Amino acid sequence: MKVSELTPPLLDHWVARAEGLTLKGRWWCRDSKEWCTVEHFAPSARWAVGGPIIERERIAFAQLVAAFHQNLGRWEAHVDGQVAQGELSGSACGFGPTQLIAAMRAHVASKFGEEVPDALDGEPAARDR
């Protein structure tokens, strides 16, 4: 599946994997410690979860606009974002209807490339749970 097409909750599952978390029942865990429930870990919807990732990965944003500065309602996000000559660039980018979705797509793309499997290591896809 293309990272650019990932939507929650599958997007959140791939972010968890990018963060080194493993799924154990209804919990995302790190180093055998319970970290948080699957429902709580929603970096594409909760700033308390996605914000620290954005800060750590230095994800920068631009809002996409059309001619005459019409807001298109979409965001562009770049990992290690920087602006040069008025253009936003970085090591990986993502687009989405919100800053969090765009940022999490960029984060997943920076770790796994532009495509990921529909399911996680034999686990059913998150949307099938």
C-alpha atoms as a PDB file:
ATOM      1  CA  MET A   1       0.000   0.000   0.000  1.00  0.00           C
ATOM      2  CA  LYS A   2       1.260   3.495  -0.746  1.00  0.00           C
ATOM      3  CA  VAL A   3       2.160   5.473   2.365  1.00  0.00           C
ATOM      4  CA  SER A   4       0.420   8.461   0.796  1.00  0.00           C
ATOM      5  CA  GLU A   5      -2.856   6.505   0.981  1.00  0.00           C
ATOM      6  CA  LEU A   6      -2.554   5.306   4.596  1.00  0.00           C
ATOM      7  CA  THR A   7      -5.389   6.469   6.818  1.00  0.00           C
ATOM      8  CA  PRO A   8      -6.077   5.880  10.508  1.00  0.00           C
ATOM      9  CA  PRO A   9      -6.010   3.407  12.137  1.00  0.00           C
ATOM     10  CA  LEU A  10      -3.573   1.673   9.736  1.00  0.00           C
ATOM     11  CA  LEU A  11      -1.470   4.855   9.544  1.00  0.00           C
ATOM     12  CA  ASP A  12      -1.194   4.855  13.354  1.00  0.00           C
ATOM     13  CA  HIS A  13      -0.081   1.216  13.299  1.00  0.00           C
ATOM     14  CA  TRP A  14       2.739   2.042  10.877  1.00  0.00           C
ATOM     15  CA  VAL A  15       3.766   5.026  12.999  1.00  0.00           C
ATOM     16  CA  ALA A  16       3.927   2.692  16.004  1.00  0.00           C
ATOM     17  CA  ARG A  17       6.182   0.355  14.057  1.00  0.00           C
ATOM     18  CA  ALA A  18       8.363   3.310  12.993  1.00  0.00           C
ATOM     19  CA  GLU A  19       8.627   4.180  16.693  1.00  0.00           C
ATOM     20  CA  GLY A  20       9.848   0.658  17.533  1.00  0.00           C
ATOM     21  CA  LEU A  21       6.652  -0.399  19.283  1.00  0.00           C
ATOM     22  CA  THR A  22       5.263  -3.926  19.039  1.00  0.00           C
ATOM     23  CA  LEU A  23       1.628  -4.935  19.223  1.00  0.00           C
ATOM     24  CA  LYS A  24       0.784  -7.249  22.127  1.00  0.00           C
ATOM     25  CA  GLY A  25      -2.933  -7.856  22.323  1.00  0.00           C
ATOM     26  CA  ARG A  26      -4.531  -4.439  22.737  1.00  0.00           C
ATOM     27  CA  TRP A  27      -1.277  -2.738  23.829  1.00  0.00           C
ATOM     28  CA  TRP A  28       1.634  -1.112  22.025  1.00  0.00           C
ATOM     29  CA  CYS A  29       4.765  -2.000  23.975  1.00  0.00           C
ATOM     30  CA  ARG A  30       8.396  -0.952  24.012  1.00  0.00           C
ATOM     31  CA  ASP A  31      11.021  -3.166  25.655  1.00  0.00           C
ATOM     32  CA  SER A  32       8.379  -5.451  27.208  1.00  0.00           C
ATOM     33  CA  LYS A  33       6.778  -2.530  29.081  1.00  0.00           C
ATOM     34  CA  GLU A  34       3.170  -1.656  28.467  1.00  0.00           C
ATOM     35  CA  TRP A  35       3.214   1.737  26.789  1.00  0.00           C
ATOM     36  CA  CYS A  36      -0.370   2.499  25.821  1.00  0.00           C
ATOM     37  CA  THR A  37      -3.535   0.991  24.451  1.00  0.00           C
ATOM     38  CA  VAL A  38      -4.079   0.772  20.727  1.00  0.00           C
ATOM     39  CA  GLU A  39      -6.967   3.227  21.093  1.00  0.00           C
ATOM     40  CA  HIS A  40      -4.786   5.778  22.912  1.00  0.00           C
ATOM     41  CA  PHE A  41      -1.890   5.634  20.437  1.00  0.00           C
ATOM     42  CA  ALA A  42      -3.351   7.804  17.687  1.00  0.00           C
ATOM     43  CA  PRO A  43      -0.537  10.092  16.483  1.00  0.00           C
ATOM     44  CA  SER A  44      -2.497  11.016  13.366  1.00  0.00           C
ATOM     45  CA  ALA A  45      -5.309  12.470  15.513  1.00  0.00           C
ATOM     46  CA  ARG A  46      -3.842  13.327  18.942  1.00  0.00           C
ATOM     47  CA  TRP A  47      -1.288  16.141  19.255  1.00  0.00           C
ATOM     48  CA  ALA A  48      -0.170  14.720  22.617  1.00  0.00           C
ATOM     49  CA  VAL A  49       1.072  11.614  20.771  1.00  0.00           C
ATOM     50  CA  GLY A  50       2.020  13.017  17.348  1.00  0.00           C
ATOM     51  CA  GLY A  51       3.478  16.324  18.563  1.00  0.00           C
ATOM     52  CA  PRO A  52       6.598  14.838  20.197  1.00  0.00           C
ATOM     53  CA  ILE A  53       7.303  12.853  17.013  1.00  0.00           C
ATOM     54  CA  ILE A  54       6.960  16.023  14.915  1.00  0.00           C
ATOM     55  CA  GLU A  55       9.331  17.889  17.218  1.00  0.00           C
ATOM     56  CA  ARG A  56      11.922  15.101  17.431  1.00  0.00           C
ATOM     57  CA  GLU A  57      11.930  14.413  13.676  1.00  0.00           C
ATOM     58  CA  ARG A  58      11.974  18.149  12.885  1.00  0.00           C
ATOM     59  CA  ILE A  59       8.925  17.886  10.646  1.00  0.00           C
ATOM     60  CA  ALA A  60       8.080  21.166   8.926  1.00  0.00           C
ATOM     61  CA  PHE A  61       4.778  22.106   7.303  1.00  0.00           C
ATOM     62  CA  ALA A  62       3.413  24.108   4.418  1.00  0.00           C
ATOM     63  CA  GLN A  63      -0.227  24.622   3.613  1.00  0.00           C
ATOM     64  CA  LEU A  64      -0.999  24.013  -0.025  1.00  0.00           C
ATOM     65  CA  VAL A  65      -2.633  26.921  -1.776  1.00  0.00           C
ATOM     66  CA  ALA A  66      -3.810  27.491  -5.333  1.00  0.00           C
ATOM     67  CA  ALA A  67      -3.585  30.582  -7.485  1.00  0.00           C
ATOM     68  CA  PHE A  68      -4.941  33.682  -5.782  1.00  0.00           C
ATOM     69  CA  HIS A  69      -3.918  32.166  -2.417  1.00  0.00           C
ATOM     70  CA  GLN A  70      -6.967  29.924  -2.158  1.00  0.00           C
ATOM     71  CA  ASN A  71      -6.460  27.419   0.657  1.00  0.00           C
ATOM     72  CA  LEU A  72      -6.746  23.891  -0.744  1.00  0.00           C
ATOM     73  CA  GLY A  73      -7.281  22.374   2.696  1.00  0.00           C
ATOM     74  CA  ARG A  74      -4.215  20.131   2.409  1.00  0.00           C
ATOM     75  CA  TRP A  75      -0.905  20.092   4.214  1.00  0.00           C
ATOM     76  CA  GLU A  76       2.585  19.162   3.109  1.00  0.00           C
ATOM     77  CA  ALA A  77       5.040  17.864   5.718  1.00  0.00           C
ATOM     78  CA  HIS A  78       8.787  17.167   5.444  1.00  0.00           C
ATOM     79  CA  VAL A  79      11.028  15.252   7.832  1.00  0.00           C
ATOM     80  CA  ASP A  80      14.111  17.343   8.655  1.00  0.00           C
ATOM     81  CA  GLY A  81      12.166  20.171   7.048  1.00  0.00           C
ATOM     82  CA  GLN A  82      13.908  23.264   5.812  1.00  0.00           C
ATOM     83  CA  VAL A  83      13.013  26.171   3.582  1.00  0.00           C
ATOM     84  CA  ALA A  84      15.346  27.193   0.778  1.00  0.00           C
ATOM     85  CA  GLN A  85      14.459  29.747  -1.886  1.00  0.00           C
ATOM     86  CA  GLY A  86      10.846  29.705  -0.709  1.00  0.00           C
ATOM     87  CA  GLU A  87      10.496  25.924  -1.133  1.00  0.00           C
ATOM     88  CA  LEU A  88       9.954  23.417   1.676  1.00  0.00           C
ATOM     89  CA  SER A  89      12.138  20.313   1.462  1.00  0.00           C
ATOM     90  CA  GLY A  90      13.358  17.437   3.594  1.00  0.00           C
ATOM     91  CA  SER A  91      14.369  13.787   3.582  1.00  0.00           C
ATOM     92  CA  ALA A  92      10.786  12.479   3.216  1.00  0.00           C
ATOM     93  CA  CYS A  93       7.461  14.154   2.632  1.00  0.00           C
ATOM     94  CA  GLY A  94       3.805  13.459   3.218  1.00  0.00           C
ATOM     95  CA  PHE A  95       0.554  15.136   2.303  1.00  0.00           C
ATOM     96  CA  GLY A  96      -2.784  15.095   4.074  1.00  0.00           C
ATOM     97  CA  PRO A  97      -5.927  16.937   5.084  1.00  0.00           C
ATOM     98  CA  THR A  98      -4.441  17.724   8.522  1.00  0.00           C
ATOM     99  CA  GLN A  99      -0.959  18.518   9.790  1.00  0.00           C
ATOM    100  CA  LEU A 100      -0.901  15.341  11.883  1.00  0.00           C
ATOM    101  CA  ILE A 101      -1.837  13.037   9.010  1.00  0.00           C
ATOM    102  CA  ALA A 102       0.667  14.700   6.660  1.00  0.00           C
ATOM    103  CA  ALA A 103       3.398  14.509   9.316  1.00  0.00           C
ATOM    104  CA  MET A 104       2.754  10.868  10.183  1.00  0.00           C
ATOM    105  CA  ARG A 105       2.782   9.886   6.502  1.00  0.00           C
ATOM    106  CA  ALA A 106       6.125  11.674   6.145  1.00  0.00           C
ATOM    107  CA  HIS A 107       7.456   9.922   9.255  1.00  0.00           C
ATOM    108  CA  VAL A 108       6.412   6.467   7.999  1.00  0.00           C
ATOM    109  CA  ALA A 109       7.879   7.191   4.543  1.00  0.00           C
ATOM    110  CA  SER A 110      11.172   8.262   6.143  1.00  0.00           C
ATOM    111  CA  LYS A 111      11.438   4.887   7.908  1.00  0.00           C
ATOM    112  CA  PHE A 112       9.941   2.427   5.394  1.00  0.00           C
ATOM    113  CA  GLY A 113       9.894   4.110   1.985  1.00  0.00           C
ATOM    114  CA  GLU A 114       6.920   5.010  -0.172  1.00  0.00           C
ATOM    115  CA  GLU A 115       5.135   1.631   0.141  1.00  0.00           C
ATOM    116  CA  VAL A 116       4.340  -0.684   3.041  1.00  0.00           C
ATOM    117  CA  PRO A 117       2.469  -4.018   3.274  1.00  0.00           C
ATOM    118  CA  ASP A 118      -1.274  -3.797   3.910  1.00  0.00           C
ATOM    119  CA  ALA A 119      -0.845  -5.902   7.069  1.00  0.00           C
ATOM    120  CA  LEU A 120       1.846  -6.018   9.745  1.00  0.00           C
ATOM    121  CA  ASP A 121       3.966  -9.199   9.989  1.00  0.00           C
ATOM    122  CA  GLY A 122       1.073 -11.583   9.616  1.00  0.00           C
ATOM    123  CA  GLU A 123      -1.238  -9.473  11.779  1.00  0.00           C
ATOM    124  CA  PRO A 124      -4.546  -8.529  10.194  1.00  0.00           C
ATOM    125  CA  ALA A 125      -4.633  -4.961   8.991  1.00  0.00           C
ATOM    126  CA  ALA A 126      -5.681  -2.545  11.721  1.00  0.00           C
ATOM    127  CA  ARG A 127      -8.859  -1.693   9.864  1.00  0.00           C
ATOM    128  CA  ASP A 128      -9.868  -5.404  10.060  1.00  0.00           C
ATOM    129  CA  ARG A 129      -9.598  -5.605  13.871  1.00  0.00           C
END
